[in-house]
Amino acid sequence: MPRSRRAVSEPRSPRRLARDRHGRGLRSAVTGPHLPMLHNRLDEFDVTVGTTAAYLRGLWPELDGVVFEVAQGPAEAIHDDHVDRWKVFHDERRIVFYRLPIVRFLRLQEGEEREEKLLIESCVFRAIADLLGKDPWELAPGRYRHL
């Protein structure tokens, strides 16, 4: 004999079911209030682009008002012979960095965060040099002499 199902008085949303399992209440943050929040690769990419752009803004006053954006990588960035890693809009004074083409073509092994950060910084340097009409090495002479 099949069991009868109880009628639920109020419909529950799927989000609520995922958040309130077994009636224990909402889940708390993984790190807790006393620890710093966890960072993921998206945050690290954004922070690297932002800090490099801020460094170059301090050296070059011509960069005031330039907008830096990060996008995943639209289809119009893919061409027959290459993939755009950034796009410079000279008239709008805007630079868009495409995260996936920059990061995915690295071919890095696990634990090579330093090389990834250097590649992201070099892309920012080359894009800003393209905007200013200069050579990337002219932007910050001596920055990478220690390497």
N, C-alpha and C. Protein backbone atom coordinates (compact mmCIF):
# COMPACT_ATOMS: atom_id res chain seq x y z
N MET A 1 0.83 -1.16 0.00
CA MET A 1 0.00 0.00 0.00
C MET A 1 0.89 1.24 0.00
N PRO A 2 0.71 2.16 -0.96
CA PRO A 2 1.57 3.34 -1.03
C PRO A 2 1.26 4.30 0.10
N ARG A 3 2.33 4.97 0.54
CA ARG A 3 2.15 5.96 1.60
C ARG A 3 1.57 7.24 1.03
N SER A 4 0.78 7.90 1.81
CA SER A 4 0.24 9.18 1.37
C SER A 4 1.25 10.28 1.66
N ARG A 5 1.26 11.24 0.80
CA ARG A 5 2.19 12.36 0.99
C ARG A 5 1.48 13.47 1.74
N ARG A 6 2.27 14.14 2.57
CA ARG A 6 1.71 15.26 3.31
C ARG A 6 1.60 16.47 2.40
N ALA A 7 0.61 17.23 2.58
CA ALA A 7 0.47 18.48 1.84
C ALA A 7 1.32 19.54 2.52
N VAL A 8 2.11 20.22 1.73
CA VAL A 8 2.96 21.28 2.26
C VAL A 8 2.16 22.57 2.21
N SER A 9 2.11 23.27 3.34
CA SER A 9 1.29 24.47 3.41
C SER A 9 1.86 25.62 2.58
N GLU A 10 3.17 25.78 2.59
CA GLU A 10 3.79 26.85 1.81
C GLU A 10 4.85 26.25 0.89
N PRO A 11 4.89 26.69 -0.35
CA PRO A 11 5.92 26.16 -1.25
C PRO A 11 7.30 26.67 -0.86
N ARG A 12 8.26 25.78 -0.87
CA ARG A 12 9.63 26.16 -0.51
C ARG A 12 10.44 26.35 -1.78
N SER A 13 11.24 27.39 -1.80
CA SER A 13 12.05 27.65 -2.97
C SER A 13 13.27 26.72 -2.95
N PRO A 14 13.81 26.40 -4.13
CA PRO A 14 15.01 25.55 -4.16
C PRO A 14 16.19 26.19 -3.45
N ARG A 15 16.27 27.52 -3.49
CA ARG A 15 17.37 28.21 -2.81
C ARG A 15 17.28 28.00 -1.30
N ARG A 16 16.07 28.09 -0.77
CA ARG A 16 15.90 27.90 0.67
C ARG A 16 16.26 26.48 1.06
N LEU A 17 15.90 25.50 0.24
CA LEU A 17 16.22 24.12 0.57
C LEU A 17 17.73 23.89 0.58
N ALA A 18 18.43 24.55 -0.32
CA ALA A 18 19.87 24.37 -0.36
C ALA A 18 20.57 25.06 0.80
N ARG A 19 19.98 26.15 1.27
CA ARG A 19 20.60 26.92 2.35
C ARG A 19 20.22 26.42 3.74
N ASP A 20 19.06 25.80 3.87
CA ASP A 20 18.56 25.41 5.18
C ASP A 20 18.36 23.90 5.22
N ARG A 21 19.45 23.19 5.14
CA ARG A 21 19.35 21.74 5.13
C ARG A 21 19.01 21.21 6.51
N HIS A 22 18.11 20.31 6.53
CA HIS A 22 17.72 19.59 7.75
C HIS A 22 17.27 20.52 8.86
N GLY A 23 16.84 21.73 8.51
CA GLY A 23 16.31 22.65 9.51
C GLY A 23 17.34 23.21 10.46
N ARG A 24 18.62 23.21 10.07
CA ARG A 24 19.67 23.71 10.96
C ARG A 24 19.91 25.21 10.84
N GLY A 25 19.22 25.86 9.94
CA GLY A 25 19.43 27.29 9.77
C GLY A 25 20.37 27.57 8.62
N LEU A 26 20.57 28.85 8.35
CA LEU A 26 21.44 29.24 7.25
C LEU A 26 22.89 28.93 7.58
N ARG A 27 23.64 28.64 6.53
CA ARG A 27 25.06 28.35 6.72
C ARG A 27 25.83 29.63 7.01
N SER A 28 26.87 29.51 7.79
CA SER A 28 27.70 30.67 8.09
C SER A 28 28.85 30.74 7.07
N ALA A 29 29.58 31.81 7.13
CA ALA A 29 30.72 31.96 6.23
C ALA A 29 31.76 30.90 6.55
N VAL A 30 32.50 30.49 5.55
CA VAL A 30 33.50 29.44 5.73
C VAL A 30 34.62 29.92 6.65
N THR A 31 35.03 31.17 6.50
CA THR A 31 36.17 31.64 7.26
C THR A 31 35.81 32.18 8.63
N GLY A 32 34.58 32.57 8.83
CA GLY A 32 34.19 33.13 10.11
C GLY A 32 34.49 34.61 10.18
N PRO A 33 34.01 35.27 11.22
CA PRO A 33 34.19 36.72 11.31
C PRO A 33 35.61 37.15 11.69
N HIS A 34 36.39 36.27 12.28
CA HIS A 34 37.71 36.64 12.76
C HIS A 34 38.83 36.35 11.77
N LEU A 35 38.53 35.72 10.64
CA LEU A 35 39.54 35.40 9.64
C LEU A 35 39.28 36.18 8.36
N PRO A 36 40.33 36.45 7.57
CA PRO A 36 40.11 37.15 6.30
C PRO A 36 39.34 36.27 5.33
N MET A 37 38.64 36.90 4.41
CA MET A 37 37.88 36.17 3.41
C MET A 37 38.83 35.42 2.47
N LEU A 38 38.37 34.32 1.93
CA LEU A 38 39.15 33.54 0.99
C LEU A 38 39.20 34.24 -0.36
N HIS A 39 40.32 34.13 -1.06
CA HIS A 39 40.47 34.73 -2.38
C HIS A 39 40.47 33.62 -3.42
N ASN A 40 39.88 33.91 -4.55
CA ASN A 40 39.91 32.95 -5.64
C ASN A 40 40.72 33.54 -6.80
N ARG A 41 40.83 32.80 -7.89
CA ARG A 41 41.65 33.24 -9.02
C ARG A 41 41.08 34.48 -9.69
N LEU A 42 39.77 34.62 -9.70
CA LEU A 42 39.17 35.82 -10.28
C LEU A 42 39.57 37.06 -9.50
N ASP A 43 39.52 36.97 -8.18
CA ASP A 43 39.90 38.10 -7.34
C ASP A 43 41.38 38.43 -7.52
N GLU A 44 42.22 37.40 -7.59
CA GLU A 44 43.66 37.64 -7.75
C GLU A 44 43.96 38.33 -9.08
N PHE A 45 43.26 37.94 -10.14
CA PHE A 45 43.45 38.57 -11.44
C PHE A 45 43.06 40.05 -11.37
N ASP A 46 41.89 40.33 -10.78
CA ASP A 46 41.43 41.71 -10.66
C ASP A 46 42.37 42.55 -9.81
N VAL A 47 42.86 41.99 -8.73
CA VAL A 47 43.78 42.72 -7.86
C VAL A 47 45.10 43.01 -8.58
N THR A 48 45.61 42.06 -9.34
CA THR A 48 46.86 42.27 -10.07
C THR A 48 46.70 43.36 -11.13
N VAL A 49 45.60 43.32 -11.88
CA VAL A 49 45.35 44.37 -12.87
C VAL A 49 45.21 45.72 -12.18
N GLY A 50 44.47 45.77 -11.09
CA GLY A 50 44.24 47.03 -10.39
C GLY A 50 45.50 47.62 -9.78
N THR A 51 46.32 46.79 -9.14
CA THR A 51 47.53 47.32 -8.52
C THR A 51 48.55 47.77 -9.56
N THR A 52 48.64 47.05 -10.67
CA THR A 52 49.57 47.46 -11.72
C THR A 52 49.11 48.76 -12.36
N ALA A 53 47.80 48.88 -12.60
CA ALA A 53 47.27 50.12 -13.17
C ALA A 53 47.46 51.29 -12.20
N ALA A 54 47.26 51.06 -10.91
CA ALA A 54 47.46 52.11 -9.92
C ALA A 54 48.93 52.53 -9.86
N TYR A 55 49.83 51.58 -9.96
CA TYR A 55 51.27 51.89 -9.98
C TYR A 55 51.60 52.78 -11.17
N LEU A 56 51.10 52.43 -12.34
CA LEU A 56 51.39 53.22 -13.53
C LEU A 56 50.68 54.57 -13.53
N ARG A 57 49.52 54.65 -12.89
CA ARG A 57 48.85 55.94 -12.75
C ARG A 57 49.68 56.89 -11.90
N GLY A 58 50.37 56.36 -10.92
CA GLY A 58 51.23 57.19 -10.08
C GLY A 58 52.43 57.72 -10.85
N LEU A 59 52.89 56.99 -11.86
CA LEU A 59 54.04 57.43 -12.65
C LEU A 59 53.65 58.33 -13.83
N TRP A 60 52.48 58.09 -14.40
CA TRP A 60 52.06 58.79 -15.60
C TRP A 60 50.75 59.53 -15.35
N PRO A 61 50.79 60.85 -15.23
CA PRO A 61 49.55 61.60 -15.01
C PRO A 61 48.60 61.56 -16.20
N GLU A 62 49.07 61.13 -17.38
CA GLU A 62 48.21 61.02 -18.55
C GLU A 62 47.16 59.93 -18.39
N LEU A 63 47.33 59.05 -17.40
CA LEU A 63 46.39 57.94 -17.20
C LEU A 63 45.20 58.32 -16.32
N ASP A 64 45.14 59.57 -15.85
CA ASP A 64 43.98 60.00 -15.07
C ASP A 64 42.74 59.96 -15.96
N GLY A 65 41.70 59.34 -15.49
CA GLY A 65 40.47 59.24 -16.24
C GLY A 65 40.38 58.01 -17.14
N VAL A 66 41.43 57.22 -17.22
CA VAL A 66 41.39 56.00 -18.03
C VAL A 66 40.66 54.92 -17.22
N VAL A 67 39.75 54.23 -17.87
CA VAL A 67 38.95 53.19 -17.22
C VAL A 67 39.55 51.84 -17.59
N PHE A 68 39.80 51.01 -16.58
CA PHE A 68 40.31 49.66 -16.77
C PHE A 68 39.19 48.68 -16.43
N GLU A 69 38.91 47.76 -17.35
CA GLU A 69 37.86 46.77 -17.15
C GLU A 69 38.42 45.38 -17.36
N VAL A 70 37.78 44.40 -16.73
CA VAL A 70 38.14 43.00 -16.91
C VAL A 70 36.91 42.27 -17.42
N ALA A 71 37.06 41.55 -18.52
CA ALA A 71 35.98 40.75 -19.10
C ALA A 71 36.47 39.31 -19.26
N GLN A 72 35.54 38.39 -19.44
CA GLN A 72 35.92 36.98 -19.60
C GLN A 72 36.64 36.72 -20.91
N GLY A 73 36.15 37.26 -21.99
CA GLY A 73 36.74 37.02 -23.30
C GLY A 73 35.67 36.81 -24.33
N PRO A 74 35.16 37.87 -24.94
CA PRO A 74 34.06 37.71 -25.88
C PRO A 74 34.49 37.06 -27.18
N ALA A 75 33.52 36.63 -27.97
CA ALA A 75 33.79 35.93 -29.22
C ALA A 75 34.46 36.84 -30.25
N GLU A 76 34.20 38.14 -30.19
CA GLU A 76 34.83 39.03 -31.18
C GLU A 76 36.32 39.24 -30.92
N ALA A 77 36.84 38.71 -29.83
CA ALA A 77 38.27 38.80 -29.56
C ALA A 77 39.04 37.68 -30.24
N ILE A 78 38.34 36.70 -30.82
CA ILE A 78 39.00 35.56 -31.46
C ILE A 78 39.09 35.82 -32.95
N HIS A 79 40.31 35.79 -33.46
CA HIS A 79 40.56 36.01 -34.89
C HIS A 79 41.15 34.74 -35.48
N ASP A 80 41.40 34.74 -36.78
CA ASP A 80 41.94 33.55 -37.45
C ASP A 80 43.33 33.18 -36.95
N ASP A 81 44.19 34.17 -36.76
CA ASP A 81 45.58 33.87 -36.44
C ASP A 81 45.97 34.20 -35.00
N HIS A 82 45.12 34.87 -34.23
CA HIS A 82 45.45 35.20 -32.85
C HIS A 82 44.18 35.44 -32.03
N VAL A 83 44.38 35.55 -30.73
CA VAL A 83 43.28 35.87 -29.81
C VAL A 83 43.69 37.13 -29.05
N ASP A 84 42.80 38.12 -29.06
CA ASP A 84 43.10 39.37 -28.34
C ASP A 84 43.12 39.10 -26.84
N ARG A 85 44.12 39.65 -26.19
CA ARG A 85 44.19 39.54 -24.73
C ARG A 85 43.69 40.80 -24.06
N TRP A 86 43.66 41.90 -24.79
CA TRP A 86 43.10 43.15 -24.31
C TRP A 86 42.65 43.95 -25.51
N LYS A 87 41.84 44.95 -25.24
CA LYS A 87 41.34 45.84 -26.29
C LYS A 87 41.46 47.26 -25.78
N VAL A 88 42.09 48.13 -26.57
CA VAL A 88 42.29 49.53 -26.20
C VAL A 88 41.33 50.38 -27.01
N PHE A 89 40.51 51.16 -26.34
CA PHE A 89 39.61 52.10 -26.97
C PHE A 89 40.19 53.50 -26.75
N HIS A 90 40.91 54.01 -27.76
CA HIS A 90 41.61 55.29 -27.63
C HIS A 90 40.65 56.45 -27.43
N ASP A 91 39.56 56.49 -28.19
CA ASP A 91 38.64 57.62 -28.10
C ASP A 91 37.88 57.65 -26.78
N GLU A 92 37.60 56.49 -26.19
CA GLU A 92 36.88 56.42 -24.91
C GLU A 92 37.82 56.43 -23.71
N ARG A 93 39.12 56.32 -23.96
CA ARG A 93 40.14 56.21 -22.89
C ARG A 93 39.77 55.05 -21.95
N ARG A 94 39.65 53.88 -22.57
CA ARG A 94 39.23 52.68 -21.85
C ARG A 94 40.03 51.50 -22.34
N ILE A 95 40.41 50.62 -21.42
CA ILE A 95 41.12 49.38 -21.75
C ILE A 95 40.35 48.22 -21.13
N VAL A 96 40.08 47.20 -21.94
CA VAL A 96 39.39 46.00 -21.47
C VAL A 96 40.37 44.83 -21.55
N PHE A 97 40.59 44.16 -20.44
CA PHE A 97 41.46 42.99 -20.38
C PHE A 97 40.60 41.75 -20.40
N TYR A 98 40.94 40.78 -21.24
CA TYR A 98 40.20 39.53 -21.34
C TYR A 98 40.92 38.47 -20.51
N ARG A 99 40.29 38.09 -19.40
CA ARG A 99 40.93 37.22 -18.42
C ARG A 99 41.24 35.83 -18.98
N LEU A 100 40.29 35.21 -19.64
CA LEU A 100 40.51 33.84 -20.11
C LEU A 100 41.65 33.71 -21.13
N PRO A 101 41.73 34.57 -22.15
CA PRO A 101 42.88 34.44 -23.05
C PRO A 101 44.22 34.69 -22.36
N ILE A 102 44.24 35.56 -21.38
CA ILE A 102 45.51 35.83 -20.68
C ILE A 102 45.91 34.64 -19.83
N VAL A 103 44.99 34.11 -19.05
CA VAL A 103 45.32 33.06 -18.09
C VAL A 103 45.41 31.68 -18.74
N ARG A 104 44.52 31.37 -19.67
CA ARG A 104 44.46 30.02 -20.23
C ARG A 104 45.64 29.68 -21.14
N PHE A 105 46.23 30.68 -21.77
CA PHE A 105 47.35 30.41 -22.67
C PHE A 105 48.69 30.40 -21.96
N LEU A 106 48.70 30.43 -20.63
CA LEU A 106 49.95 30.44 -19.87
C LEU A 106 50.68 29.12 -19.92
N ARG A 107 49.93 28.03 -19.83
CA ARG A 107 50.50 26.69 -19.72
C ARG A 107 51.44 26.58 -18.51
N LEU A 108 50.95 27.06 -17.38
CA LEU A 108 51.73 27.00 -16.14
C LEU A 108 51.37 25.75 -15.36
N GLN A 109 52.29 25.33 -14.54
CA GLN A 109 52.04 24.21 -13.63
C GLN A 109 51.50 24.74 -12.32
N GLU A 110 51.03 23.86 -11.49
CA GLU A 110 50.50 24.24 -10.19
C GLU A 110 51.60 24.88 -9.34
N GLY A 111 51.27 25.97 -8.69
CA GLY A 111 52.23 26.62 -7.80
C GLY A 111 53.10 27.67 -8.47
N GLU A 112 52.79 28.08 -9.69
CA GLU A 112 53.59 29.10 -10.39
C GLU A 112 52.83 30.42 -10.42
N GLU A 113 52.41 30.88 -9.25
CA GLU A 113 51.64 32.11 -9.16
C GLU A 113 52.47 33.33 -9.53
N ARG A 114 53.75 33.28 -9.25
CA ARG A 114 54.62 34.43 -9.55
C ARG A 114 54.69 34.68 -11.05
N GLU A 115 54.84 33.62 -11.83
CA GLU A 115 54.90 33.76 -13.28
C GLU A 115 53.57 34.25 -13.84
N GLU A 116 52.47 33.77 -13.26
CA GLU A 116 51.16 34.23 -13.70
C GLU A 116 50.99 35.72 -13.44
N LYS A 117 51.41 36.16 -12.26
CA LYS A 117 51.30 37.58 -11.92
C LYS A 117 52.18 38.43 -12.84
N LEU A 118 53.38 37.95 -13.16
CA LEU A 118 54.25 38.70 -14.07
C LEU A 118 53.65 38.80 -15.46
N LEU A 119 53.00 37.75 -15.93
CA LEU A 119 52.38 37.80 -17.25
C LEU A 119 51.21 38.78 -17.26
N ILE A 120 50.41 38.78 -16.22
CA ILE A 120 49.29 39.72 -16.15
C ILE A 120 49.82 41.15 -16.12
N GLU A 121 50.88 41.40 -15.32
CA GLU A 121 51.47 42.72 -15.28
C GLU A 121 52.03 43.14 -16.63
N SER A 122 52.64 42.21 -17.35
CA SER A 122 53.20 42.56 -18.66
C SER A 122 52.08 42.90 -19.65
N CYS A 123 50.93 42.23 -19.55
CA CYS A 123 49.79 42.57 -20.41
C CYS A 123 49.27 43.96 -20.09
N VAL A 124 49.22 44.32 -18.81
CA VAL A 124 48.77 45.66 -18.42
C VAL A 124 49.77 46.70 -18.94
N PHE A 125 51.06 46.42 -18.80
CA PHE A 125 52.08 47.35 -19.29
C PHE A 125 51.95 47.54 -20.80
N ARG A 126 51.77 46.45 -21.55
CA ARG A 126 51.69 46.56 -23.01
C ARG A 126 50.42 47.27 -23.45
N ALA A 127 49.31 47.04 -22.76
CA ALA A 127 48.07 47.72 -23.13
C ALA A 127 48.15 49.22 -22.85
N ILE A 128 48.72 49.59 -21.71
CA ILE A 128 48.86 51.01 -21.38
C ILE A 128 49.86 51.67 -22.31
N ALA A 129 50.92 50.95 -22.68
CA ALA A 129 51.88 51.51 -23.64
C ALA A 129 51.21 51.74 -24.99
N ASP A 130 50.31 50.86 -25.37
CA ASP A 130 49.57 51.04 -26.62
C ASP A 130 48.67 52.28 -26.53
N LEU A 131 48.05 52.49 -25.39
CA LEU A 131 47.18 53.65 -25.21
C LEU A 131 47.99 54.95 -25.26
N LEU A 132 49.16 54.95 -24.62
CA LEU A 132 49.98 56.17 -24.56
C LEU A 132 50.86 56.35 -25.79
N GLY A 133 50.99 55.31 -26.61
CA GLY A 133 51.86 55.40 -27.78
C GLY A 133 53.33 55.33 -27.42
N LYS A 134 53.66 54.55 -26.43
CA LYS A 134 55.05 54.40 -25.97
C LYS A 134 55.45 52.94 -25.99
N ASP A 135 56.73 52.69 -25.74
CA ASP A 135 57.25 51.35 -25.59
C ASP A 135 56.98 50.90 -24.15
N PRO A 136 56.60 49.63 -23.91
CA PRO A 136 56.33 49.20 -22.53
C PRO A 136 57.50 49.39 -21.58
N TRP A 137 58.72 49.28 -22.07
CA TRP A 137 59.89 49.45 -21.20
C TRP A 137 60.09 50.89 -20.78
N GLU A 138 59.48 51.85 -21.49
CA GLU A 138 59.60 53.26 -21.12
C GLU A 138 58.68 53.63 -19.96
N LEU A 139 57.67 52.82 -19.71
CA LEU A 139 56.69 53.18 -18.69
C LEU A 139 57.26 53.16 -17.28
N ALA A 140 58.05 52.17 -16.96
CA ALA A 140 58.63 52.06 -15.62
C ALA A 140 60.06 51.56 -15.75
N PRO A 141 60.99 52.43 -16.14
CA PRO A 141 62.36 51.96 -16.29
C PRO A 141 62.94 51.50 -14.95
N GLY A 142 63.55 50.35 -14.98
CA GLY A 142 64.16 49.81 -13.77
C GLY A 142 63.25 48.95 -12.91
N ARG A 143 61.99 48.82 -13.27
CA ARG A 143 61.08 48.02 -12.43
C ARG A 143 61.46 46.56 -12.40
N TYR A 144 61.87 46.01 -13.53
CA TYR A 144 62.16 44.59 -13.60
C TYR A 144 63.66 44.32 -13.74
N ARG A 145 64.50 45.24 -13.31
CA ARG A 145 65.95 45.00 -13.39
C ARG A 145 66.42 43.86 -12.51
N HIS A 146 65.74 43.64 -11.41
CA HIS A 146 66.16 42.60 -10.47
C HIS A 146 65.87 41.19 -10.99
N LEU A 147 65.09 41.06 -12.04
CA LEU A 147 64.75 39.72 -12.56
C LEU A 147 65.80 39.22 -13.46
